[in-house]
Amino acid sequence: MIIRDQFDPDLRKRIKQKKQIAIIPVGSIEQHGPHLPISTDSDIVTEISLRFSKKINGILLPTINYGISDEHFPFFNLSVKKSTLSKMLDDICGH
């Protein structure tokens, strides 16, 4: 189930009744040279997560497009601190 495509107002109940696995893809927006778009990492992890969620009948949450990519600092990237990403994932998971 792709969560962002759901309209059901009882979605929370449906999720709790079936104890499903939720998948949060985490990608990044960073340069890959002139031959690939800056969304390459996010696009790949989103597709892998989509296929996996279908295979296990899990819940696919929206991709987080901001990763930790300090190694790309001299080039274009949208990066967050490790603590920021960790806190975001903790908040999403309800911990």
PDB file of N, CA and C in Angstrom:
ATOM      1  N   MET A   1       0.850  -1.171   0.000  1.00  0.00           N
ATOM      2  CA  MET A   1       0.000   0.000   0.000  1.00  0.00           C
ATOM      3  C   MET A   1       0.899   1.239   0.000  1.00  0.00           C
ATOM      4  N   ILE A   2       0.658   2.107  -0.943  1.00  0.00           N
ATOM      5  CA  ILE A   2       1.389   3.372  -0.994  1.00  0.00           C
ATOM      6  C   ILE A   2       0.581   4.390  -0.193  1.00  0.00           C
ATOM      7  N   ILE A   3       1.093   4.771   0.940  1.00  0.00           N
ATOM      8  CA  ILE A   3       0.335   5.574   1.901  1.00  0.00           C
ATOM      9  C   ILE A   3      -0.117   6.914   1.326  1.00  0.00           C
ATOM     10  N   ARG A   4       0.697   7.528   0.499  1.00  0.00           N
ATOM     11  CA  ARG A   4       0.332   8.855  -0.007  1.00  0.00           C
ATOM     12  C   ARG A   4      -0.836   8.807  -0.982  1.00  0.00           C
ATOM     13  N   ASP A   5      -1.169   7.632  -1.503  1.00  0.00           N
ATOM     14  CA  ASP A   5      -2.281   7.489  -2.439  1.00  0.00           C
ATOM     15  C   ASP A   5      -3.586   7.093  -1.768  1.00  0.00           C
ATOM     16  N   GLN A   6      -3.593   6.995  -0.450  1.00  0.00           N
ATOM     17  CA  GLN A   6      -4.780   6.536   0.275  1.00  0.00           C
ATOM     18  C   GLN A   6      -5.707   7.697   0.610  1.00  0.00           C
ATOM     19  N   PHE A   7      -7.003   7.424   0.552  1.00  0.00           N
ATOM     20  CA  PHE A   7      -8.017   8.425   0.890  1.00  0.00           C
ATOM     21  C   PHE A   7      -8.860   8.007   2.084  1.00  0.00           C
ATOM     22  N   ASP A   8      -8.712   6.798   2.512  1.00  0.00           N
ATOM     23  CA  ASP A   8      -9.565   6.214   3.533  1.00  0.00           C
ATOM     24  C   ASP A   8      -9.429   6.955   4.864  1.00  0.00           C
ATOM     25  N   PRO A   9     -10.530   7.533   5.376  1.00  0.00           N
ATOM     26  CA  PRO A   9     -10.439   8.233   6.666  1.00  0.00           C
ATOM     27  C   PRO A   9     -10.185   7.264   7.826  1.00  0.00           C
ATOM     28  N   ASP A  10     -10.416   5.986   7.613  1.00  0.00           N
ATOM     29  CA  ASP A  10     -10.170   4.987   8.651  1.00  0.00           C
ATOM     30  C   ASP A  10      -8.827   4.286   8.453  1.00  0.00           C
ATOM     31  N   LEU A  11      -7.924   4.932   7.763  1.00  0.00           N
ATOM     32  CA  LEU A  11      -6.636   4.330   7.428  1.00  0.00           C
ATOM     33  C   LEU A  11      -5.881   3.869   8.670  1.00  0.00           C
ATOM     34  N   ARG A  12      -5.875   4.678   9.707  1.00  0.00           N
ATOM     35  CA  ARG A  12      -5.158   4.314  10.943  1.00  0.00           C
ATOM     36  C   ARG A  12      -5.697   3.002  11.517  1.00  0.00           C
ATOM     37  N   LYS A  13      -7.030   2.836  11.500  1.00  0.00           N
ATOM     38  CA  LYS A  13      -7.632   1.594  11.993  1.00  0.00           C
ATOM     39  C   LYS A  13      -7.224   0.409  11.130  1.00  0.00           C
ATOM     40  N   ARG A  14      -7.243   0.598   9.833  1.00  0.00           N
ATOM     41  CA  ARG A  14      -6.875  -0.483   8.907  1.00  0.00           C
ATOM     42  C   ARG A  14      -5.441  -0.919   9.128  1.00  0.00           C
ATOM     43  N   ILE A  15      -4.563   0.031   9.366  1.00  0.00           N
ATOM     44  CA  ILE A  15      -3.157  -0.293   9.574  1.00  0.00           C
ATOM     45  C   ILE A  15      -2.977  -1.066  10.880  1.00  0.00           C
ATOM     46  N   LYS A  16      -3.621  -0.618  11.946  1.00  0.00           N
ATOM     47  CA  LYS A  16      -3.473  -1.273  13.242  1.00  0.00           C
ATOM     48  C   LYS A  16      -4.066  -2.679  13.243  1.00  0.00           C
ATOM     49  N   GLN A  17      -5.144  -2.892  12.508  1.00  0.00           N
ATOM     50  CA  GLN A  17      -5.776  -4.205  12.479  1.00  0.00           C
ATOM     51  C   GLN A  17      -4.888  -5.256  11.850  1.00  0.00           C
ATOM     52  N   LYS A  18      -4.064  -4.869  10.901  1.00  0.00           N
ATOM     53  CA  LYS A  18      -3.285  -5.847  10.146  1.00  0.00           C
ATOM     54  C   LYS A  18      -1.802  -5.881  10.508  1.00  0.00           C
ATOM     55  N   LYS A  19      -1.325  -5.060  11.402  1.00  0.00           N
ATOM     56  CA  LYS A  19       0.085  -5.039  11.811  1.00  0.00           C
ATOM     57  C   LYS A  19       1.030  -5.197  10.621  1.00  0.00           C
ATOM     58  N   GLN A  20       1.078  -4.192   9.803  1.00  0.00           N
ATOM     59  CA  GLN A  20       1.909  -4.226   8.607  1.00  0.00           C
ATOM     60  C   GLN A  20       3.269  -3.590   8.863  1.00  0.00           C
ATOM     61  N   ILE A  21       4.212  -3.919   8.002  1.00  0.00           N
ATOM     62  CA  ILE A  21       5.546  -3.323   8.065  1.00  0.00           C
ATOM     63  C   ILE A  21       5.526  -2.049   7.228  1.00  0.00           C
ATOM     64  N   ALA A  22       6.022  -0.971   7.817  1.00  0.00           N
ATOM     65  CA  ALA A  22       6.127   0.300   7.097  1.00  0.00           C
ATOM     66  C   ALA A  22       7.562   0.500   6.619  1.00  0.00           C
ATOM     67  N   ILE A  23       7.697   0.986   5.408  1.00  0.00           N
ATOM     68  CA  ILE A  23       9.007   1.217   4.808  1.00  0.00           C
ATOM     69  C   ILE A  23       9.166   2.708   4.552  1.00  0.00           C
ATOM     70  N   ILE A  24      10.253   3.273   5.051  1.00  0.00           N
ATOM     71  CA  ILE A  24      10.563   4.683   4.832  1.00  0.00           C
ATOM     72  C   ILE A  24      11.819   4.759   3.970  1.00  0.00           C
ATOM     73  N   PRO A  25      11.665   5.026   2.673  1.00  0.00           N
ATOM     74  CA  PRO A  25      12.858   5.167   1.838  1.00  0.00           C
ATOM     75  C   PRO A  25      13.599   6.466   2.190  1.00  0.00           C
ATOM     76  N   VAL A  26      14.912   6.377   2.293  1.00  0.00           N
ATOM     77  CA  VAL A  26      15.732   7.561   2.557  1.00  0.00           C
ATOM     78  C   VAL A  26      16.741   7.667   1.419  1.00  0.00           C
ATOM     79  N   GLY A  27      16.642   8.732   0.664  1.00  0.00           N
ATOM     80  CA  GLY A  27      17.543   8.956  -0.453  1.00  0.00           C
ATOM     81  C   GLY A  27      18.357  10.206  -0.233  1.00  0.00           C
ATOM     82  N   SER A  28      18.748  10.809  -1.307  1.00  0.00           N
ATOM     83  CA  SER A  28      19.478  12.067  -1.211  1.00  0.00           C
ATOM     84  C   SER A  28      19.357  12.815  -2.530  1.00  0.00           C
ATOM     85  N   ILE A  29      19.621  14.086  -2.439  1.00  0.00           N
ATOM     86  CA  ILE A  29      19.661  14.950  -3.621  1.00  0.00           C
ATOM     87  C   ILE A  29      21.099  15.433  -3.723  1.00  0.00           C
ATOM     88  N   GLU A  30      21.822  14.887  -4.707  1.00  0.00           N
ATOM     89  CA  GLU A  30      23.231  15.231  -4.856  1.00  0.00           C
ATOM     90  C   GLU A  30      23.668  15.033  -6.300  1.00  0.00           C
ATOM     91  N   GLN A  31      24.743  15.664  -6.638  1.00  0.00           N
ATOM     92  CA  GLN A  31      25.242  15.602  -8.015  1.00  0.00           C
ATOM     93  C   GLN A  31      25.789  14.221  -8.341  1.00  0.00           C
ATOM     94  N   HIS A  32      25.644  13.857  -9.610  1.00  0.00           N
ATOM     95  CA  HIS A  32      26.199  12.603 -10.128  1.00  0.00           C
ATOM     96  C   HIS A  32      26.884  12.847 -11.460  1.00  0.00           C
ATOM     97  N   GLY A  33      27.301  14.047 -11.685  1.00  0.00           N
ATOM     98  CA  GLY A  33      27.924  14.383 -12.958  1.00  0.00           C
ATOM     99  C   GLY A  33      26.879  14.797 -13.980  1.00  0.00           C
ATOM    100  N   PRO A  34      27.303  15.034 -15.214  1.00  0.00           N
ATOM    101  CA  PRO A  34      26.391  15.557 -16.241  1.00  0.00           C
ATOM    102  C   PRO A  34      25.458  14.510 -16.843  1.00  0.00           C
ATOM    103  N   HIS A  35      25.605  13.244 -16.466  1.00  0.00           N
ATOM    104  CA  HIS A  35      24.840  12.180 -17.106  1.00  0.00           C
ATOM    105  C   HIS A  35      23.644  11.675 -16.304  1.00  0.00           C
ATOM    106  N   LEU A  36      23.500  12.082 -15.031  1.00  0.00           N
ATOM    107  CA  LEU A  36      22.391  11.607 -14.202  1.00  0.00           C
ATOM    108  C   LEU A  36      21.751  12.777 -13.456  1.00  0.00           C
ATOM    109  N   PRO A  37      20.451  12.689 -13.192  1.00  0.00           N
ATOM    110  CA  PRO A  37      19.793  13.760 -12.440  1.00  0.00           C
ATOM    111  C   PRO A  37      20.189  13.734 -10.964  1.00  0.00           C
ATOM    112  N   ILE A  38      20.030  14.855 -10.295  1.00  0.00           N
ATOM    113  CA  ILE A  38      20.392  14.940  -8.879  1.00  0.00           C
ATOM    114  C   ILE A  38      19.477  14.079  -7.995  1.00  0.00           C
ATOM    115  N   SER A  39      18.367  13.630  -8.524  1.00  0.00           N
ATOM    116  CA  SER A  39      17.433  12.794  -7.759  1.00  0.00           C
ATOM    117  C   SER A  39      17.734  11.301  -7.879  1.00  0.00           C
ATOM    118  N   THR A  40      18.848  10.920  -8.510  1.00  0.00           N
ATOM    119  CA  THR A  40      19.142   9.510  -8.795  1.00  0.00           C
ATOM    120  C   THR A  40      19.049   8.619  -7.559  1.00  0.00           C
ATOM    121  N   ASP A  41      19.687   8.998  -6.464  1.00  0.00           N
ATOM    122  CA  ASP A  41      19.680   8.157  -5.260  1.00  0.00           C
ATOM    123  C   ASP A  41      18.266   7.993  -4.708  1.00  0.00           C
ATOM    124  N   SER A  42      17.518   9.087  -4.638  1.00  0.00           N
ATOM    125  CA  SER A  42      16.144   9.021  -4.141  1.00  0.00           C
ATOM    126  C   SER A  42      15.262   8.199  -5.072  1.00  0.00           C
ATOM    127  N   ASP A  43      15.455   8.353  -6.370  1.00  0.00           N
ATOM    128  CA  ASP A  43      14.655   7.588  -7.340  1.00  0.00           C
ATOM    129  C   ASP A  43      14.909   6.091  -7.201  1.00  0.00           C
ATOM    130  N   ILE A  44      16.167   5.715  -7.038  1.00  0.00           N
ATOM    131  CA  ILE A  44      16.520   4.297  -6.916  1.00  0.00           C
ATOM    132  C   ILE A  44      15.944   3.700  -5.634  1.00  0.00           C
ATOM    133  N   VAL A  45      16.151   4.366  -4.508  1.00  0.00           N
ATOM    134  CA  VAL A  45      15.665   3.822  -3.237  1.00  0.00           C
ATOM    135  C   VAL A  45      14.139   3.789  -3.203  1.00  0.00           C
ATOM    136  N   THR A  46      13.483   4.727  -3.866  1.00  0.00           N
ATOM    137  CA  THR A  46      12.027   4.723  -3.922  1.00  0.00           C
ATOM    138  C   THR A  46      11.530   3.518  -4.715  1.00  0.00           C
ATOM    139  N   GLU A  47      12.143   3.247  -5.837  1.00  0.00           N
ATOM    140  CA  GLU A  47      11.733   2.101  -6.662  1.00  0.00           C
ATOM    141  C   GLU A  47      11.990   0.777  -5.952  1.00  0.00           C
ATOM    142  N   ILE A  48      13.146   0.641  -5.333  1.00  0.00           N
ATOM    143  CA  ILE A  48      13.451  -0.588  -4.578  1.00  0.00           C
ATOM    144  C   ILE A  48      12.441  -0.778  -3.451  1.00  0.00           C
ATOM    145  N   SER A  49      12.138   0.299  -2.741  1.00  0.00           N
ATOM    146  CA  SER A  49      11.187   0.229  -1.628  1.00  0.00           C
ATOM    147  C   SER A  49       9.782  -0.097  -2.113  1.00  0.00           C
ATOM    148  N   LEU A  50       9.399   0.451  -3.257  1.00  0.00           N
ATOM    149  CA  LEU A  50       8.085   0.151  -3.831  1.00  0.00           C
ATOM    150  C   LEU A  50       7.973  -1.340  -4.156  1.00  0.00           C
ATOM    151  N   ARG A  51       8.975  -1.871  -4.804  1.00  0.00           N
ATOM    152  CA  ARG A  51       8.960  -3.299  -5.160  1.00  0.00           C
ATOM    153  C   ARG A  51       8.942  -4.183  -3.914  1.00  0.00           C
ATOM    154  N   PHE A  52       9.749  -3.808  -2.917  1.00  0.00           N
ATOM    155  CA  PHE A  52       9.794  -4.589  -1.687  1.00  0.00           C
ATOM    156  C   PHE A  52       8.468  -4.524  -0.940  1.00  0.00           C
ATOM    157  N   SER A  53       7.876  -3.337  -0.864  1.00  0.00           N
ATOM    158  CA  SER A  53       6.604  -3.202  -0.139  1.00  0.00           C
ATOM    159  C   SER A  53       5.503  -4.028  -0.804  1.00  0.00           C
ATOM    160  N   LYS A  54       5.520  -4.095  -2.133  1.00  0.00           N
ATOM    161  CA  LYS A  54       4.540  -4.934  -2.833  1.00  0.00           C
ATOM    162  C   LYS A  54       4.788  -6.414  -2.532  1.00  0.00           C
ATOM    163  N   LYS A  55       6.048  -6.798  -2.490  1.00  0.00           N
ATOM    164  CA  LYS A  55       6.402  -8.200  -2.251  1.00  0.00           C
ATOM    165  C   LYS A  55       5.960  -8.672  -0.870  1.00  0.00           C
ATOM    166  N   ILE A  56       6.101  -7.797   0.131  1.00  0.00           N
ATOM    167  CA  ILE A  56       5.745  -8.194   1.501  1.00  0.00           C
ATOM    168  C   ILE A  56       4.372  -7.663   1.925  1.00  0.00           C
ATOM    169  N   ASN A  57       3.692  -6.991   0.998  1.00  0.00           N
ATOM    170  CA  ASN A  57       2.397  -6.369   1.296  1.00  0.00           C
ATOM    171  C   ASN A  57       2.530  -5.377   2.452  1.00  0.00           C
ATOM    172  N   GLY A  58       3.578  -4.552   2.393  1.00  0.00           N
ATOM    173  CA  GLY A  58       3.834  -3.566   3.433  1.00  0.00           C
ATOM    174  C   GLY A  58       3.271  -2.201   3.076  1.00  0.00           C
ATOM    175  N   ILE A  59       3.574  -1.249   3.905  1.00  0.00           N
ATOM    176  CA  ILE A  59       3.118   0.126   3.719  1.00  0.00           C
ATOM    177  C   ILE A  59       4.317   0.958   3.291  1.00  0.00           C
ATOM    178  N   LEU A  60       4.208   1.598   2.146  1.00  0.00           N
ATOM    179  CA  LEU A  60       5.287   2.451   1.659  1.00  0.00           C
ATOM    180  C   LEU A  60       4.995   3.897   2.047  1.00  0.00           C
ATOM    181  N   LEU A  61       5.838   4.441   2.908  1.00  0.00           N
ATOM    182  CA  LEU A  61       5.722   5.841   3.303  1.00  0.00           C
ATOM    183  C   LEU A  61       6.476   6.707   2.293  1.00  0.00           C
ATOM    184  N   PRO A  62       6.202   8.008   2.272  1.00  0.00           N
ATOM    185  CA  PRO A  62       6.889   8.892   1.318  1.00  0.00           C
ATOM    186  C   PRO A  62       8.409   8.896   1.536  1.00  0.00           C
ATOM    187  N   THR A  63       9.137   9.040   0.454  1.00  0.00           N
ATOM    188  CA  THR A  63      10.590   9.085   0.499  1.00  0.00           C
ATOM    189  C   THR A  63      11.077  10.363   1.169  1.00  0.00           C
ATOM    190  N   ILE A  64      12.072  10.203   2.024  1.00  0.00           N
ATOM    191  CA  ILE A  64      12.783  11.349   2.582  1.00  0.00           C
ATOM    192  C   ILE A  64      13.935  11.622   1.620  1.00  0.00           C
ATOM    193  N   ASN A  65      13.914  12.777   0.996  1.00  0.00           N
ATOM    194  CA  ASN A  65      14.884  13.098  -0.053  1.00  0.00           C
ATOM    195  C   ASN A  65      16.142  13.781   0.454  1.00  0.00           C
ATOM    196  N   TYR A  66      16.239  13.968   1.748  1.00  0.00           N
ATOM    197  CA  TYR A  66      17.425  14.623   2.311  1.00  0.00           C
ATOM    198  C   TYR A  66      18.231  13.603   3.085  1.00  0.00           C
ATOM    199  N   GLY A  67      19.404  13.294   2.596  1.00  0.00           N
ATOM    200  CA  GLY A  67      20.274  12.336   3.252  1.00  0.00           C
ATOM    201  C   GLY A  67      21.493  13.020   3.831  1.00  0.00           C
ATOM    202  N   ILE A  68      22.440  12.201   4.224  1.00  0.00           N
ATOM    203  CA  ILE A  68      23.701  12.688   4.770  1.00  0.00           C
ATOM    204  C   ILE A  68      24.744  12.509   3.670  1.00  0.00           C
ATOM    205  N   SER A  69      25.141  13.606   3.075  1.00  0.00           N
ATOM    206  CA  SER A  69      26.087  13.501   1.952  1.00  0.00           C
ATOM    207  C   SER A  69      27.119  14.622   1.999  1.00  0.00           C
ATOM    208  N   ASP A  70      27.785  14.710   3.126  1.00  0.00           N
ATOM    209  CA  ASP A  70      28.822  15.734   3.298  1.00  0.00           C
ATOM    210  C   ASP A  70      29.975  15.573   2.311  1.00  0.00           C
ATOM    211  N   GLU A  71      30.199  14.344   1.848  1.00  0.00           N
ATOM    212  CA  GLU A  71      31.312  14.109   0.923  1.00  0.00           C
ATOM    213  C   GLU A  71      31.123  14.829  -0.408  1.00  0.00           C
ATOM    214  N   HIS A  72      29.895  15.291  -0.668  1.00  0.00           N
ATOM    215  CA  HIS A  72      29.617  16.022  -1.910  1.00  0.00           C
ATOM    216  C   HIS A  72      29.648  17.537  -1.705  1.00  0.00           C
ATOM    217  N   PHE A  73      30.181  17.973  -0.578  1.00  0.00           N
ATOM    218  CA  PHE A  73      30.150  19.388  -0.234  1.00  0.00           C
ATOM    219  C   PHE A  73      30.644  20.331  -1.334  1.00  0.00           C
ATOM    220  N   PRO A  74      31.743  20.023  -2.012  1.00  0.00           N
ATOM    221  CA  PRO A  74      32.187  20.986  -3.034  1.00  0.00           C
ATOM    222  C   PRO A  74      31.232  21.069  -4.233  1.00  0.00           C
ATOM    223  N   PHE A  75      30.365  20.067  -4.357  1.00  0.00           N
ATOM    224  CA  PHE A  75      29.422  20.015  -5.475  1.00  0.00           C
ATOM    225  C   PHE A  75      28.019  20.266  -4.943  1.00  0.00           C
ATOM    226  N   PHE A  76      27.042  20.258  -5.836  1.00  0.00           N
ATOM    227  CA  PHE A  76      25.672  20.497  -5.401  1.00  0.00           C
ATOM    228  C   PHE A  76      25.135  19.305  -4.627  1.00  0.00           C
ATOM    229  N   ASN A  77      24.531  19.578  -3.475  1.00  0.00           N
ATOM    230  CA  ASN A  77      23.792  18.557  -2.719  1.00  0.00           C
ATOM    231  C   ASN A  77      22.905  19.241  -1.701  1.00  0.00           C
ATOM    232  N   LEU A  78      21.884  18.538  -1.299  1.00  0.00           N
ATOM    233  CA  LEU A  78      21.022  18.987  -0.204  1.00  0.00           C
ATOM    234  C   LEU A  78      21.193  17.962   0.905  1.00  0.00           C
ATOM    235  N   SER A  79      21.956  18.312   1.915  1.00  0.00           N
ATOM    236  CA  SER A  79      22.330  17.377   2.961  1.00  0.00           C
ATOM    237  C   SER A  79      21.841  17.872   4.314  1.00  0.00           C
ATOM    238  N   VAL A  80      21.591  16.922   5.208  1.00  0.00           N
ATOM    239  CA  VAL A  80      21.236  17.254   6.587  1.00  0.00           C
ATOM    240  C   VAL A  80      22.237  16.571   7.514  1.00  0.00           C
ATOM    241  N   LYS A  81      22.279  17.031   8.747  1.00  0.00           N
ATOM    242  CA  LYS A  81      23.145  16.404   9.738  1.00  0.00           C
ATOM    243  C   LYS A  81      22.587  15.035  10.105  1.00  0.00           C
ATOM    244  N   LYS A  82      23.480  14.147  10.533  1.00  0.00           N
ATOM    245  CA  LYS A  82      23.069  12.807  10.964  1.00  0.00           C
ATOM    246  C   LYS A  82      22.024  12.907  12.078  1.00  0.00           C
ATOM    247  N   SER A  83      22.228  13.820  13.016  1.00  0.00           N
ATOM    248  CA  SER A  83      21.296  13.970  14.136  1.00  0.00           C
ATOM    249  C   SER A  83      19.914  14.441  13.652  1.00  0.00           C
ATOM    250  N   THR A  84      19.884  15.260  12.609  1.00  0.00           N
ATOM    251  CA  THR A  84      18.614  15.745  12.055  1.00  0.00           C
ATOM    252  C   THR A  84      17.845  14.601  11.419  1.00  0.00           C
ATOM    253  N   LEU A  85      18.525  13.813  10.599  1.00  0.00           N
ATOM    254  CA  LEU A  85      17.866  12.684   9.947  1.00  0.00           C
ATOM    255  C   LEU A  85      17.407  11.659  10.973  1.00  0.00           C
ATOM    256  N   SER A  86      18.231  11.391  11.957  1.00  0.00           N
ATOM    257  CA  SER A  86      17.875  10.450  13.009  1.00  0.00           C
ATOM    258  C   SER A  86      16.641  10.912  13.774  1.00  0.00           C
ATOM    259  N   LYS A  87      16.592  12.192  14.115  1.00  0.00           N
ATOM    260  CA  LYS A  87      15.441  12.750  14.837  1.00  0.00           C
ATOM    261  C   LYS A  87      14.184  12.692  13.976  1.00  0.00           C
ATOM    262  N   MET A  88      14.322  12.988  12.680  1.00  0.00           N
ATOM    263  CA  MET A  88      13.179  12.931  11.781  1.00  0.00           C
ATOM    264  C   MET A  88      12.603  11.514  11.733  1.00  0.00           C
ATOM    265  N   LEU A  89      13.474  10.526  11.596  1.00  0.00           N
ATOM    266  CA  LEU A  89      13.019   9.134  11.553  1.00  0.00           C
ATOM    267  C   LEU A  89      12.394   8.718  12.882  1.00  0.00           C
ATOM    268  N   ASP A  90      12.986   9.145  13.994  1.00  0.00           N
ATOM    269  CA  ASP A  90      12.404   8.864  15.313  1.00  0.00           C
ATOM    270  C   ASP A  90      11.002   9.475  15.427  1.00  0.00           C
ATOM    271  N   ASP A  91      10.852  10.714  14.980  1.00  0.00           N
ATOM    272  CA  ASP A  91       9.550  11.386  15.047  1.00  0.00           C
ATOM    273  C   ASP A  91       8.506  10.683  14.180  1.00  0.00           C
ATOM    274  N   ILE A  92       8.889  10.292  12.990  1.00  0.00           N
ATOM    275  CA  ILE A  92       7.961   9.615  12.088  1.00  0.00           C
ATOM    276  C   ILE A  92       7.523   8.274  12.672  1.00  0.00           C
ATOM    277  N   CYS A  93       8.467   7.582  13.284  1.00  0.00           N
ATOM    278  CA  CYS A  93       8.160   6.258  13.843  1.00  0.00           C
ATOM    279  C   CYS A  93       7.465   6.340  15.206  1.00  0.00           C
ATOM    280  N   GLY A  94       7.347   7.537  15.742  1.00  0.00           N
ATOM    281  CA  GLY A  94       6.609   7.724  16.986  1.00  0.00           C
ATOM    282  C   GLY A  94       7.381   7.396  18.243  1.00  0.00           C
ATOM    283  N   HIS A  95       8.695   7.544  18.208  1.00  0.00           N
ATOM    284  CA  HIS A  95       9.512   7.245  19.389  1.00  0.00           C
ATOM    285  C   HIS A  95      10.022   8.525  19.994  1.00  0.00           C
TER     286      HIS A  95
END
